[in-house]
C-alpha atoms as a PDB file:
ATOM      1  CA  MET A   1      47.652 -36.291  31.017  1.00  0.00           C
ATOM      2  CA  SER A   2      49.484 -39.527  30.483  1.00  0.00           C
ATOM      3  CA  ALA A   3      48.399 -42.951  31.799  1.00  0.00           C
ATOM      4  CA  LEU A   4      51.376 -42.785  34.172  1.00  0.00           C
ATOM      5  CA  ASP A   5      50.249 -39.317  35.471  1.00  0.00           C
ATOM      6  CA  LEU A   6      46.798 -40.690  35.982  1.00  0.00           C
ATOM      7  CA  MET A   7      48.127 -43.663  37.908  1.00  0.00           C
ATOM      8  CA  ARG A   8      50.236 -41.388  40.132  1.00  0.00           C
ATOM      9  CA  ARG A   9      47.200 -39.163  40.739  1.00  0.00           C
ATOM     10  CA  ARG A  10      45.224 -42.227  41.649  1.00  0.00           C
ATOM     11  CA  VAL A  11      47.897 -43.490  44.191  1.00  0.00           C
ATOM     12  CA  ASP A  12      47.713 -40.031  45.797  1.00  0.00           C
ATOM     13  CA  LEU A  13      43.890 -40.141  46.003  1.00  0.00           C
ATOM     14  CA  VAL A  14      43.918 -43.601  47.425  1.00  0.00           C
ATOM     15  CA  GLY A  15      46.291 -42.276  50.095  1.00  0.00           C
ATOM     16  CA  THR A  16      43.862 -39.385  50.777  1.00  0.00           C
ATOM     17  CA  VAL A  17      41.001 -41.891  51.152  1.00  0.00           C
ATOM     18  CA  SER A  18      43.143 -43.923  53.579  1.00  0.00           C
ATOM     19  CA  ALA A  19      44.003 -40.877  55.659  1.00  0.00           C
ATOM     20  CA  LEU A  20      40.395 -39.767  55.775  1.00  0.00           C
ATOM     21  CA  THR A  21      39.296 -43.198  56.802  1.00  0.00           C
ATOM     22  CA  ALA A  22      41.825 -43.212  59.624  1.00  0.00           C
ATOM     23  CA  LYS A  23      40.498 -39.846  60.749  1.00  0.00           C
ATOM     24  CA  ALA A  24      37.010 -41.161  60.596  1.00  0.00           C
ATOM     25  CA  LEU A  25      37.970 -44.085  62.888  1.00  0.00           C
ATOM     26  CA  LYS A  26      39.669 -41.680  65.330  1.00  0.00           C
ATOM     27  CA  LEU A  27      36.526 -39.532  65.434  1.00  0.00           C
ATOM     28  CA  THR A  28      34.486 -42.674  66.157  1.00  0.00           C
ATOM     29  CA  GLN A  29      36.765 -43.472  69.079  1.00  0.00           C
ATOM     30  CA  ALA A  30      36.612 -39.868  70.280  1.00  0.00           C
ATOM     31  CA  VAL A  31      32.805 -39.706  70.195  1.00  0.00           C
ATOM     32  CA  SER A  32      32.572 -43.082  71.971  1.00  0.00           C
ATOM     33  CA  GLY A  33      34.767 -41.752  74.773  1.00  0.00           C
ATOM     34  CA  VAL A  34      32.634 -38.650  75.106  1.00  0.00           C
ATOM     35  CA  GLU A  35      29.536 -40.702  75.148  1.00  0.00           C
ATOM     36  CA  MET A  36      30.969 -42.825  78.044  1.00  0.00           C
ATOM     37  CA  ASP A  37      31.602 -39.540  79.900  1.00  0.00           C
ATOM     38  CA  ILE A  38      28.037 -38.443  79.235  1.00  0.00           C
ATOM     39  CA  LEU A  39      26.651 -41.741  80.712  1.00  0.00           C
ATOM     40  CA  ARG A  40      28.932 -41.359  83.694  1.00  0.00           C
ATOM     41  CA  LEU A  41      27.817 -37.852  84.263  1.00  0.00           C
ATOM     42  CA  GLU A  42      24.135 -38.790  83.883  1.00  0.00           C
ATOM     43  CA  LEU A  43      24.519 -41.513  86.456  1.00  0.00           C
ATOM     44  CA  ALA A  44      26.291 -39.130  88.881  1.00  0.00           C
ATOM     45  CA  ILE A  45      23.633 -36.509  88.315  1.00  0.00           C
ATOM     46  CA  GLY A  46      20.990 -39.191  89.156  1.00  0.00           C
ATOM     47  CA  ARG A  47      22.728 -39.681  92.462  1.00  0.00           C
ATOM     48  CA  ASP A  48      23.257 -35.967  93.190  1.00  0.00           C
ATOM     49  CA  PRO A  49      20.768 -33.942  91.055  1.00  0.00           C
ATOM     50  CA  ALA A  50      21.619 -30.698  92.774  1.00  0.00           C
ATOM     51  CA  ASN A  51      25.275 -30.768  91.731  1.00  0.00           C
ATOM     52  CA  GLY A  52      25.510 -27.859  89.305  1.00  0.00           C
ATOM     53  CA  GLN A  53      29.083 -28.804  88.417  1.00  0.00           C
ATOM     54  CA  LEU A  54      28.025 -32.152  87.145  1.00  0.00           C
ATOM     55  CA  VAL A  55      25.261 -30.545  85.067  1.00  0.00           C
ATOM     56  CA  ARG A  56      27.723 -28.062  83.498  1.00  0.00           C
ATOM     57  CA  GLU A  57      30.164 -30.904  82.766  1.00  0.00           C
ATOM     58  CA  LEU A  58      27.271 -32.909  81.131  1.00  0.00           C
ATOM     59  CA  HIS A  59      26.350 -29.932  78.875  1.00  0.00           C
ATOM     60  CA  SER A  60      29.966 -29.455  77.939  1.00  0.00           C
ATOM     61  CA  GLN A  61      30.369 -33.178  77.055  1.00  0.00           C
ATOM     62  CA  GLU A  62      27.150 -33.052  74.991  1.00  0.00           C
ATOM     63  CA  GLU A  63      28.462 -30.109  73.104  1.00  0.00           C
ATOM     64  CA  SER A  64      31.747 -31.907  72.425  1.00  0.00           C
ATOM     65  CA  ALA A  65      29.839 -34.989  71.196  1.00  0.00           C
ATOM     66  CA  ALA A  66      27.739 -32.772  68.804  1.00  0.00           C
ATOM     67  CA  ALA A  67      30.930 -31.151  67.480  1.00  0.00           C
ATOM     68  CA  ILE A  68      32.630 -34.571  66.899  1.00  0.00           C
ATOM     69  CA  ARG A  69      29.491 -35.869  65.208  1.00  0.00           C
ATOM     70  CA  GLN A  70      29.627 -32.866  62.783  1.00  0.00           C
ATOM     71  CA  GLU A  71      33.272 -33.566  62.113  1.00  0.00           C
ATOM     72  CA  GLN A  72      32.294 -37.217  61.329  1.00  0.00           C
ATOM     73  CA  ALA A  73      29.647 -36.053  58.896  1.00  0.00           C
ATOM     74  CA  ASP A  74      32.175 -33.691  57.225  1.00  0.00           C
ATOM     75  CA  CYS A  75      34.732 -36.500  57.013  1.00  0.00           C
ATOM     76  CA  ALA A  76      32.223 -38.848  55.516  1.00  0.00           C
ATOM     77  CA  GLU A  77      31.531 -36.224  52.836  1.00  0.00           C
ATOM     78  CA  ASP A  78      35.216 -35.759  52.126  1.00  0.00           C
ATOM     79  CA  ILE A  79      35.624 -39.635  51.797  1.00  0.00           C
ATOM     80  CA  ALA A  80      32.823 -39.794  49.403  1.00  0.00           C
ATOM     81  CA  ALA A  81      34.152 -36.957  47.313  1.00  0.00           C
ATOM     82  CA  ALA A  82      37.682 -38.519  47.214  1.00  0.00           C
ATOM     83  CA  GLU A  83      36.116 -41.906  46.248  1.00  0.00           C
ATOM     84  CA  ARG A  84      34.251 -40.219  43.426  1.00  0.00           C
ATOM     85  CA  GLU A  85      37.586 -38.743  42.244  1.00  0.00           C
ATOM     86  CA  VAL A  86      39.196 -42.267  42.281  1.00  0.00           C
ATOM     87  CA  ALA A  87      36.292 -43.622  40.262  1.00  0.00           C
ATOM     88  CA  ALA A  88      36.611 -40.837  37.713  1.00  0.00           C
ATOM     89  CA  LEU A  89      40.302 -41.447  37.428  1.00  0.00           C
ATOM     90  CA  ASP A  90      39.698 -45.172  37.048  1.00  0.00           C
ATOM     91  CA  ALA A  91      37.433 -44.317  33.991  1.00  0.00           C
ATOM     92  CA  LEU A  92      40.222 -42.108  32.568  1.00  0.00           C
ATOM     93  CA  ILE A  93      42.816 -44.855  33.076  1.00  0.00           C
ATOM     94  CA  ALA A  94      40.565 -47.338  31.462  1.00  0.00           C
ATOM     95  CA  ALA A  95      39.997 -45.107  28.514  1.00  0.00           C
ATOM     96  CA  ALA A  96      43.755 -44.388  28.253  1.00  0.00           C
ATOM     97  CA  LYS A  97      44.346 -48.177  28.090  1.00  0.00           C
ATOM     98  CA  GLY A  98      41.795 -48.548  25.310  1.00  0.00           C
ATOM     99  CA  GLY A  99      39.151 -50.193  27.635  1.00  0.00           C
END
């Protein structure tokens, strides 16, 4: 693979890291919104503990938060893997340049 091919691949990977980072930020926003709903529901349940609908909504939101947190963990792993690929390409580029 030529140095130019390596650089093109690096640019693609940096784009991937950027897209994954944007996804991670969106997931952070999403989980924050769900956590606010959870707090709202907990307060409402405190005022009306016999309201089964609120309890069901709370459980649903807790499940949503757990799913988003898993997505965050998966995304963090994807980011780390892409960053390792960039680092490996950087080493190949440096070697191709004689460094």
